[in-house]
Protein backbone atom coordinates (compact mmCIF):
# COMPACT_ATOMS: atom_id res chain seq x y z
CA MET A 1 0.02 0.00 -0.01
CA LEU A 2 1.16 3.46 -0.81
CA ASN A 3 0.71 4.83 2.74
CA SER A 4 3.02 2.09 4.10
CA ALA A 5 5.90 3.22 1.91
CA PRO A 6 8.86 4.89 3.67
CA LEU A 7 9.12 8.65 3.43
CA SER A 8 12.22 8.39 1.24
CA ASP A 9 10.13 6.53 -1.41
CA LEU A 10 7.33 9.06 -1.36
CA LEU A 11 9.49 12.23 -1.53
CA HIS A 12 12.65 13.18 -3.31
CA ALA A 13 15.51 13.81 -0.94
CA SER A 14 15.70 17.46 -1.91
CA ASP A 15 12.11 17.92 -0.79
CA LEU A 16 12.75 16.76 2.79
CA PRO A 17 14.24 20.01 4.19
CA LYS A 18 11.42 22.10 2.70
CA MET A 19 8.82 19.67 4.03
CA PHE A 20 10.33 19.80 7.54
CA GLU A 21 10.53 23.59 7.60
CA LYS A 22 6.85 23.69 6.62
CA ALA A 23 6.01 21.13 9.24
CA ILE A 24 7.69 22.94 12.16
CA GLY A 25 5.62 25.97 11.32
CA SER A 26 2.45 24.02 11.79
CA ALA A 27 0.36 23.43 14.91
CA TYR A 28 2.04 20.12 15.71
CA ARG A 29 4.48 19.85 18.62
CA PHE A 30 8.13 19.59 17.69
CA ALA A 31 8.54 16.21 19.47
CA ASP A 32 5.56 14.76 17.59
CA LEU A 33 6.99 15.91 14.25
CA VAL A 34 10.33 14.32 15.00
CA THR A 35 8.59 11.02 15.68
CA THR A 36 6.19 11.34 12.75
CA LEU A 37 8.98 12.10 10.31
CA ASP A 38 11.26 9.50 11.82
CA LEU A 39 14.11 11.93 12.16
CA ASP A 40 17.42 11.07 13.79
CA LYS A 41 18.05 13.44 16.74
CA SER A 42 21.75 12.68 16.63
CA SER A 43 22.32 13.88 13.07
CA ASP A 44 19.30 15.34 11.35
CA PHE A 45 19.46 18.66 13.15
CA ILE A 46 23.08 19.52 12.55
CA SER A 47 23.32 22.94 10.88
CA SER A 48 19.47 23.00 10.60
CA ASN A 49 17.27 26.07 10.37
CA LEU A 50 15.20 26.11 13.57
CA ARG A 51 14.50 29.82 13.81
CA GLU A 52 11.50 30.78 16.00
CA VAL A 53 10.51 27.14 16.61
CA ASP A 54 8.19 26.36 19.51
CA PHE A 55 9.89 23.52 21.43
CA SER A 56 7.17 23.27 24.07
CA TYR A 57 7.08 19.95 26.01
CA ALA A 58 9.96 18.54 23.99
CA ASP A 59 12.55 16.24 25.52
CA LEU A 60 15.70 17.48 23.79
CA ARG A 61 18.18 15.25 25.60
CA ASN A 62 20.67 13.62 23.21
CA PHE A 63 19.73 16.02 20.36
CA ASN A 64 22.61 17.29 18.31
CA PHE A 65 22.10 20.95 17.36
CA THR A 66 25.67 21.56 16.30
CA GLY A 67 25.81 24.66 14.07
CA ALA A 68 21.97 24.98 14.12
CA ASP A 69 20.23 28.31 13.89
CA LEU A 70 18.04 28.40 17.01
CA THR A 71 17.52 32.19 17.15
CA GLY A 72 14.17 33.23 18.47
CA SER A 73 13.23 29.71 19.55
CA TYR A 74 10.96 29.47 22.62
CA GLY A 75 8.62 27.19 24.48
CA VAL A 76 7.47 25.90 27.90
CA GLN A 77 8.59 22.77 29.82
CA ILE A 78 11.59 21.96 27.63
CA LEU A 79 13.93 19.28 28.89
CA ILE A 80 17.63 19.75 28.10
CA ASP A 81 20.81 18.62 29.82
CA ASP A 82 24.50 18.06 29.15
CA THR A 83 23.62 15.56 26.39
CA THR A 84 21.95 18.32 24.34
CA ILE A 85 24.72 19.38 21.97
CA LEU A 86 24.69 23.15 21.23
CA LYS A 87 28.21 23.45 19.88
CA ASN A 88 28.52 26.47 17.51
CA ALA A 89 24.72 26.82 17.55
CA ASP A 90 23.28 30.32 17.22
CA VAL A 91 21.13 30.69 20.29
CA ARG A 92 20.72 34.50 20.35
CA ASP A 93 17.33 35.70 21.62
CA SER A 94 16.26 32.12 22.39
CA CYS A 95 15.25 30.01 25.34
CA PHE A 96 18.65 28.20 25.07
CA ALA A 97 20.87 31.26 25.39
CA THR A 98 21.13 31.50 29.22
CA TYR A 99 21.55 27.75 29.64
CA LYS A 100 24.35 27.66 27.01
CA ARG A 101 26.22 30.45 28.71
CA GLU A 102 26.01 28.67 32.05
CA ARG A 103 27.26 25.41 30.59
CA ASP A 104 30.09 27.02 28.59
CA LEU A 105 31.20 28.84 31.71
CA PHE A 106 31.34 25.67 33.86
CA THR A 107 33.12 23.83 31.07
CA LYS A 108 35.80 26.51 30.51
CA ASN A 109 36.28 27.82 34.08
CA ASN A 110 37.12 25.23 36.77
CA ARG A 111 36.63 27.80 39.53
CA ALA A 112 33.15 28.76 38.33
CA ARG A 113 31.45 25.83 40.07
CA LEU A 114 33.21 26.61 43.32
CA ALA A 115 32.24 30.25 43.01
CA TYR A 116 28.65 29.23 42.35
CA ASP A 117 28.58 27.05 45.49
CA ALA A 118 29.98 30.01 47.47
CA LEU A 119 27.08 32.14 46.27
CA LYS A 120 24.45 29.48 46.89
CA PHE A 121 25.60 28.40 50.36
CA GLY A 122 27.46 31.51 51.52
CA ASP A 123 26.44 34.00 54.20
CA THR A 124 23.36 35.83 53.05
CA TYR A 125 24.59 39.34 53.99
CA GLU A 126 27.99 38.87 52.37
CA VAL A 127 26.51 37.46 49.16
CA SER A 128 23.90 40.22 49.01
CA SER A 129 26.66 42.82 49.43
CA TRP A 130 28.64 41.17 46.66
CA VAL A 131 25.65 41.17 44.32
CA HIS A 132 24.94 44.79 45.10
CA THR A 133 28.50 45.97 44.44
CA ARG A 134 29.18 43.54 41.53
CA LEU A 135 32.70 42.75 42.85
CA SER A 136 33.66 46.39 43.25
CA ASP A 137 34.28 45.93 47.02
CA GLU A 138 38.00 45.29 47.31
CA SER A 139 37.58 44.14 50.92
CA PHE A 140 35.34 41.27 50.06
CA LYS A 141 36.59 38.29 51.98
CA ASN A 142 35.80 35.27 49.77
CA PRO A 143 38.59 35.08 47.14
CA LEU A 144 36.50 32.90 44.85
CA LEU A 145 33.99 35.70 44.48
CA LYS A 146 36.47 38.58 44.61
CA ASP A 147 38.58 37.28 41.76
CA ILE A 148 35.84 36.14 39.43
CA SER A 149 35.25 38.22 36.28
CA ARG A 150 32.21 40.46 35.97
CA ASP A 151 30.89 38.52 32.95
CA ALA A 152 31.20 35.25 34.86
CA ALA A 153 29.57 36.80 37.91
CA ILE A 154 26.55 37.87 35.83
CA ILE A 155 26.07 34.35 34.49
CA LEU A 156 26.28 32.88 37.98
CA CYS A 157 23.75 35.37 39.37
CA GLN A 158 21.33 34.59 36.61
CA LYS A 159 21.60 30.90 37.32
CA LEU A 160 21.23 31.54 41.02
CA LEU A 161 17.83 33.19 40.47
CA THR A 162 16.27 29.90 39.52
CA ASP A 163 17.91 27.74 42.23
CA GLU A 164 16.63 26.85 45.68
CA ILE A 165 18.25 29.66 47.61
CA ASP A 166 17.61 31.85 50.62
CA LEU A 167 14.61 34.16 50.08
CA THR A 168 16.65 37.20 51.04
CA LYS A 169 19.26 36.40 48.39
CA ARG A 170 16.59 35.93 45.75
CA THR A 171 14.91 39.18 46.72
CA ASP A 172 18.25 41.01 46.40
CA LEU A 173 18.85 39.41 43.02
CA PHE A 174 15.46 40.59 41.74
CA LEU A 175 16.04 44.13 43.18
CA ASN A 176 19.36 44.20 41.35
CA LEU A 177 18.15 42.53 38.17
CA ASP A 178 19.34 45.45 36.00
CA ASN A 179 22.82 45.00 37.49
CA ILE A 180 23.13 41.30 36.68
CA VAL A 181 22.30 41.58 32.98
CA ARG A 182 24.35 43.21 30.29
CA SER A 183 21.63 44.22 27.85
CA ASN A 184 17.89 44.18 27.16
CA SER A 185 18.52 41.21 24.91
CA GLU A 186 19.97 39.30 27.83
CA VAL A 187 16.93 40.04 30.00
CA ARG A 188 14.82 38.71 27.13
CA GLU A 189 16.89 35.53 26.96
CA LEU A 190 16.71 35.09 30.67
CA LEU A 191 12.90 35.39 30.59
CA LEU A 192 12.62 32.92 27.74
CA GLY A 193 14.91 30.47 29.46
CA ILE A 194 13.01 30.58 32.71
CA MET A 195 9.64 30.13 30.95
CA ALA A 196 11.10 27.21 29.12
CA ARG A 197 12.74 25.33 31.93
CA GLN A 198 11.44 26.59 35.30
CA ILE A 199 7.63 26.33 35.10
CA GLU A 200 7.51 24.16 38.20
CA ASN A 201 9.25 26.90 40.18
CA LEU A 202 6.16 29.02 40.78
CA PRO A 203 7.76 31.70 43.07
CA VAL A 204 10.28 32.49 40.30
CA MET A 205 7.61 32.25 37.61
CA ARG A 206 5.43 34.81 39.40
CA LYS A 207 8.24 37.35 39.48
CA PHE A 208 9.22 36.86 35.89
CA ILE A 209 5.70 36.84 34.51
CA LYS A 210 5.24 40.25 36.01
CA ILE A 211 8.56 41.53 34.65
CA ALA A 212 7.87 40.09 31.20
CA ALA A 213 4.30 41.43 31.04
CA ARG A 214 5.24 44.91 32.19
CA ARG A 215 8.62 45.52 30.57
CA TYR A 216 8.23 43.49 27.39
CA SER A 217 4.57 43.92 26.61
CA GLN A 218 5.27 44.59 22.91
CA ASP A 219 7.97 42.01 22.39
CA PRO A 220 6.46 39.42 19.99
CA LEU A 221 8.68 36.58 21.22
CA ILE A 222 7.98 37.20 24.91
CA GLY A 223 4.33 37.52 23.93
CA ARG A 224 4.31 34.09 22.34
CA ALA A 225 5.93 32.52 25.41
CA LEU A 226 3.38 34.20 27.72
CA ASN A 227 0.51 33.04 25.55
CA LEU A 228 1.89 29.53 25.77
CA LEU A 229 1.70 29.73 29.54
CA SER A 230 -2.02 30.42 29.32
CA LYS A 231 -2.39 27.00 27.63
CA ALA A 232 0.07 25.19 29.90
CA GLU A 233 -0.78 21.65 31.02
CA ASN A 234 0.00 22.55 34.63
CA LYS A 235 -3.15 24.09 36.19
CA ASN A 236 -1.06 25.87 38.93
CA LEU A 237 1.04 27.52 36.25
CA ARG A 238 -2.04 28.78 34.39
CA GLU A 239 -3.41 30.15 37.58
CA THR A 240 -0.07 31.81 38.35
CA LEU A 241 -0.09 33.44 34.90
CA PHE A 242 -3.67 34.73 35.03
CA THR A 243 -3.40 36.13 38.53
CA ASN A 244 -0.02 37.79 37.96
CA ILE A 245 -0.59 39.17 34.44
CA SER A 246 -3.85 40.84 35.36
CA GLY A 247 -3.63 44.63 34.97
CA THR A 248 -0.25 44.63 33.17
CA ARG A 249 0.28 46.27 29.78
CA PHE A 250 0.54 42.91 28.10
CA PHE A 251 -2.80 41.88 29.55
CA TYR A 252 -4.59 44.94 28.18
CA GLN A 253 -2.90 44.64 24.78
CA ASN A 254 -3.83 40.96 24.48
CA PHE A 255 -7.09 41.01 26.38
CA PRO A 256 -9.33 39.28 23.78
CA THR A 257 -6.97 36.30 23.49
CA LEU A 258 -6.31 36.06 27.21
CA ARG A 259 -10.01 36.43 27.99
CA SER A 260 -10.79 33.55 25.62
CA GLU A 261 -8.13 31.37 27.26
CA PHE A 262 -9.28 32.26 30.77
CA LEU A 263 -12.87 31.26 30.00
CA ARG A 264 -12.01 27.82 28.66
CA GLU A 265 -13.62 24.88 30.46
CA GLU A 266 -10.28 23.55 31.77
CA ASN A 267 -9.89 26.76 33.77
CA LEU A 268 -13.17 26.28 35.62
CA LEU A 269 -11.52 25.50 38.98
CA ILE A 270 -9.25 28.51 38.64
CA ARG A 271 -12.20 30.81 38.05
CA GLN A 272 -14.10 29.29 41.00
CA GLN A 273 -11.14 29.65 43.33
CA ILE A 274 -10.62 33.30 42.32
CA LEU A 275 -14.29 34.06 42.88
CA LYS A 276 -14.26 32.26 46.27
CA SER A 277 -11.19 34.14 47.45
CA ALA A 278 -12.81 37.47 46.44
CA ALA A 279 -16.05 36.55 48.19
CA LEU A 280 -14.24 35.54 51.41
CA SER A 281 -12.42 38.90 51.43
CA LEU A 282 -15.73 40.70 51.29
CA SER A 283 -18.20 39.00 53.67
CA ARG A 284 -20.09 35.86 54.50
CA SER A 285 -23.06 37.33 52.62
CA HIS A 286 -21.04 37.59 49.42
CA LEU A 287 -19.88 34.00 49.81
CA SER A 288 -23.52 32.88 50.10
CA ALA A 289 -24.41 34.77 46.96
CA ILE A 290 -21.95 32.80 44.78
CA ASN A 291 -22.33 29.47 46.51
CA MET A 292 -24.50 26.89 44.81
CA ASP A 293 -25.67 25.49 48.18
CA ALA A 294 -25.76 28.93 49.86
CA SER A 295 -23.92 27.47 52.81
CA LEU A 296 -21.44 29.38 54.93
CA SER A 297 -19.52 26.46 56.32
CA ASP A 298 -17.18 24.03 54.59
CA VAL A 299 -17.71 25.65 51.20
CA PHE A 300 -15.77 23.78 48.60
CA THR A 301 -14.55 25.38 45.38
CA SER A 302 -16.71 22.96 43.44
CA ASP A 303 -19.83 24.55 45.01
CA ILE A 304 -18.93 28.00 43.78
CA LEU A 305 -20.69 29.22 40.64
CA ASP A 306 -18.74 29.87 37.47
CA VAL A 307 -18.61 33.30 35.87
CA GLY A 308 -21.31 32.36 33.34
CA ASP A 309 -23.71 31.25 36.08
CA LEU A 310 -23.66 34.51 37.92
CA LEU A 311 -26.17 37.34 37.33
CA ASP A 312 -28.73 34.74 36.15
CA GLU A 313 -32.11 35.50 37.75
CA ASP A 314 -33.22 31.84 37.89
CA ILE A 315 -30.04 30.78 39.66
CA ALA A 316 -30.18 33.86 41.94
CA THR A 317 -33.79 32.83 42.86
CA GLU A 318 -32.61 29.37 43.77
CA ILE A 319 -29.76 30.81 45.91
CA ALA A 320 -32.15 33.27 47.60
CA SER A 321 -34.46 30.35 48.48
CA LYS A 322 -31.59 28.33 49.96
CA ILE A 323 -30.46 31.33 51.98
CA SER A 324 -33.98 31.75 53.25
CA LEU A 325 -34.12 28.14 54.39
CA ARG A 326 -30.77 28.50 56.08
CA ASP A 327 -31.90 31.65 57.90
CA LEU A 328 -35.02 29.96 59.10
CA GLU A 329 -32.91 27.07 60.47
CA ASN A 330 -30.65 29.60 62.22
CA ALA A 331 -33.66 31.37 63.72
CA ARG A 332 -35.04 27.98 64.94
CA ARG A 333 -31.76 27.13 66.60
CA TYR A 334 -31.73 30.59 68.20
CA ASP A 335 -35.17 29.98 69.61
CA ASP A 336 -34.04 26.63 71.04
CA ILE A 337 -31.12 28.06 72.98
CA ARG A 338 -32.21 31.59 73.94
CA HIS A 339 -34.04 30.29 77.07
CA TRP A 340 -30.73 29.32 78.72
CA ARG A 341 -28.09 31.53 77.07
CA GLU A 342 -28.21 35.20 76.10
CA ALA A 343 -27.20 35.10 72.42
CA PRO A 344 -27.35 37.67 69.61
CA ALA A 345 -29.77 36.94 66.82
CA PRO A 346 -28.12 35.31 63.80
CA LYS A 347 -27.08 37.69 61.06
CA THR A 348 -28.95 37.27 57.80
CA ILE A 349 -28.87 38.89 54.45
CA SER A 350 -31.77 39.96 52.35
CA ARG A 351 -33.40 37.06 50.53
CA ASP A 352 -34.42 39.36 47.66
CA VAL A 353 -33.19 38.08 44.28
CA ASN A 354 -31.90 41.49 43.20
CA THR A 355 -29.80 41.69 46.37
CA VAL A 356 -28.21 38.34 45.57
CA ILE A 357 -27.37 39.55 42.06
CA ARG A 358 -25.89 42.81 43.44
CA LEU A 359 -23.70 40.81 45.80
CA GLN A 360 -22.57 38.61 42.88
CA GLU A 361 -21.69 41.79 40.95
CA GLU A 362 -19.56 43.00 43.83
CA VAL A 363 -17.70 39.70 43.99
CA MET A 364 -17.01 39.82 40.28
CA ALA A 365 -15.84 43.42 40.55
CA LYS A 366 -13.46 42.40 43.37
CA ALA A 367 -12.12 39.15 41.87
CA ASP A 368 -8.72 39.27 40.18
CA ILE A 369 -8.91 39.00 36.33
CA VAL A 370 -12.66 38.24 36.54
CA ARG A 371 -13.25 41.93 37.14
CA HIS A 372 -11.78 42.72 33.70
CA VAL A 373 -14.08 40.21 31.99
CA PHE A 374 -17.05 41.60 34.00
CA ALA A 375 -16.22 45.19 33.06
CA TYR A 376 -15.87 44.21 29.38
CA GLU A 377 -19.17 42.39 29.25
CA HIS A 378 -21.22 44.52 31.69
CA PRO A 379 -19.51 47.92 32.00
CA THR A 380 -22.42 49.78 33.69
CA GLU A 381 -23.01 47.04 36.29
CA ALA A 382 -19.30 46.72 36.95
CA GLU A 383 -18.86 50.42 37.63
CA ALA A 384 -21.88 50.50 39.93
CA ALA A 385 -20.58 47.44 41.82
CA LEU A 386 -17.18 49.12 42.29
CA GLU A 387 -18.81 52.27 43.58
CA ARG A 388 -20.79 50.29 46.09
CA LEU A 389 -17.58 48.59 47.31
CA ARG A 390 -15.76 51.97 47.50
CA SER A 391 -18.68 53.47 49.42
CA ARG A 392 -18.78 50.64 51.85
CA SER A 393 -15.02 50.83 52.37
CA ARG A 394 -15.22 54.56 53.04
CA ARG A 395 -18.06 54.02 55.52
CA THR A 396 -16.07 51.35 57.32
CA TRP A 397 -13.05 53.60 57.56
CA TYR A 398 -15.07 56.46 59.05
CA GLU A 399 -16.65 54.10 61.60
CA LYS A 400 -13.22 52.81 62.68
CA SER A 401 -11.72 56.27 62.86
């Protein structure tokens, strides 16, 4: 049968490079294409053109990219190690650049590993001082750090950012980020490298998502990488992206796309958790208004309504009814105990359907990222809800003062 013939019988050899370049520009993952085309990772990528390729979720161990053009390549959850050959590869502005610099440094400089260990395990104050002065302090005690070149120090500091280190050291590194990079291009490469290889490191991802979305909002390559995070397989990573990108320049510039991603079914639990957190920060009444069971104890995220369920009169009627039943039960319990204990009457909220909807509006106006979707779809209601929240906050402040 024709479809069982090997690729070499179906295509002329000269057509293979063109076919592969066309394939890597398609929607298929790089790893799937390698398998489908039966390519040899030890030889078929030598001196290859892999510009702006999305390597997401690819295991690139034992791949030979000697002399390959990898400029502008990016992705998330890419697995590379010492078996990934990058000799003479062009990795400028790519997710491989930072890693290649680290590996080249450790290969060429025997003292670099010792210096890195000194940074990682050294005294927090001394290391922070060294980072701040970038080796300019002649009295610095540790000779490994005093004698290392500025370029090597920058590479080590960049690597240190993604390692398990003391929180104070990491904070100092972030505060001095502009001092441990040599150019905007290097910051870009650092961002791409972290998004490619550190997605399980959520504290670091939070910081760099904010930096990327604020400082590189118009950078197309950073934009592609951030958009990839919104589709990441890891739910916690998607939640980290959505909650940290909200309100940044990149978010506003890419709102239609990010809104569409945020409202996908697979992000249901993320939306529910965000709504629950907002409701808890407001009041028990607000939590009741978005809770399917209208219960105020042991409320699970799965009982919280989704964005599309809120502001629906039929659902609000059902919630009002459940709140009414709960209030009646509370009143009955109060009647049972008031003969032996002086107790305040249980607090209730209005069981009016419109009140439930107004409380739902206030939760949506308060909830991170949901508030932007709410304002986009219901601008008048969103502004009114914000004004109610502001008014209540001012009233509370006056009462306390």
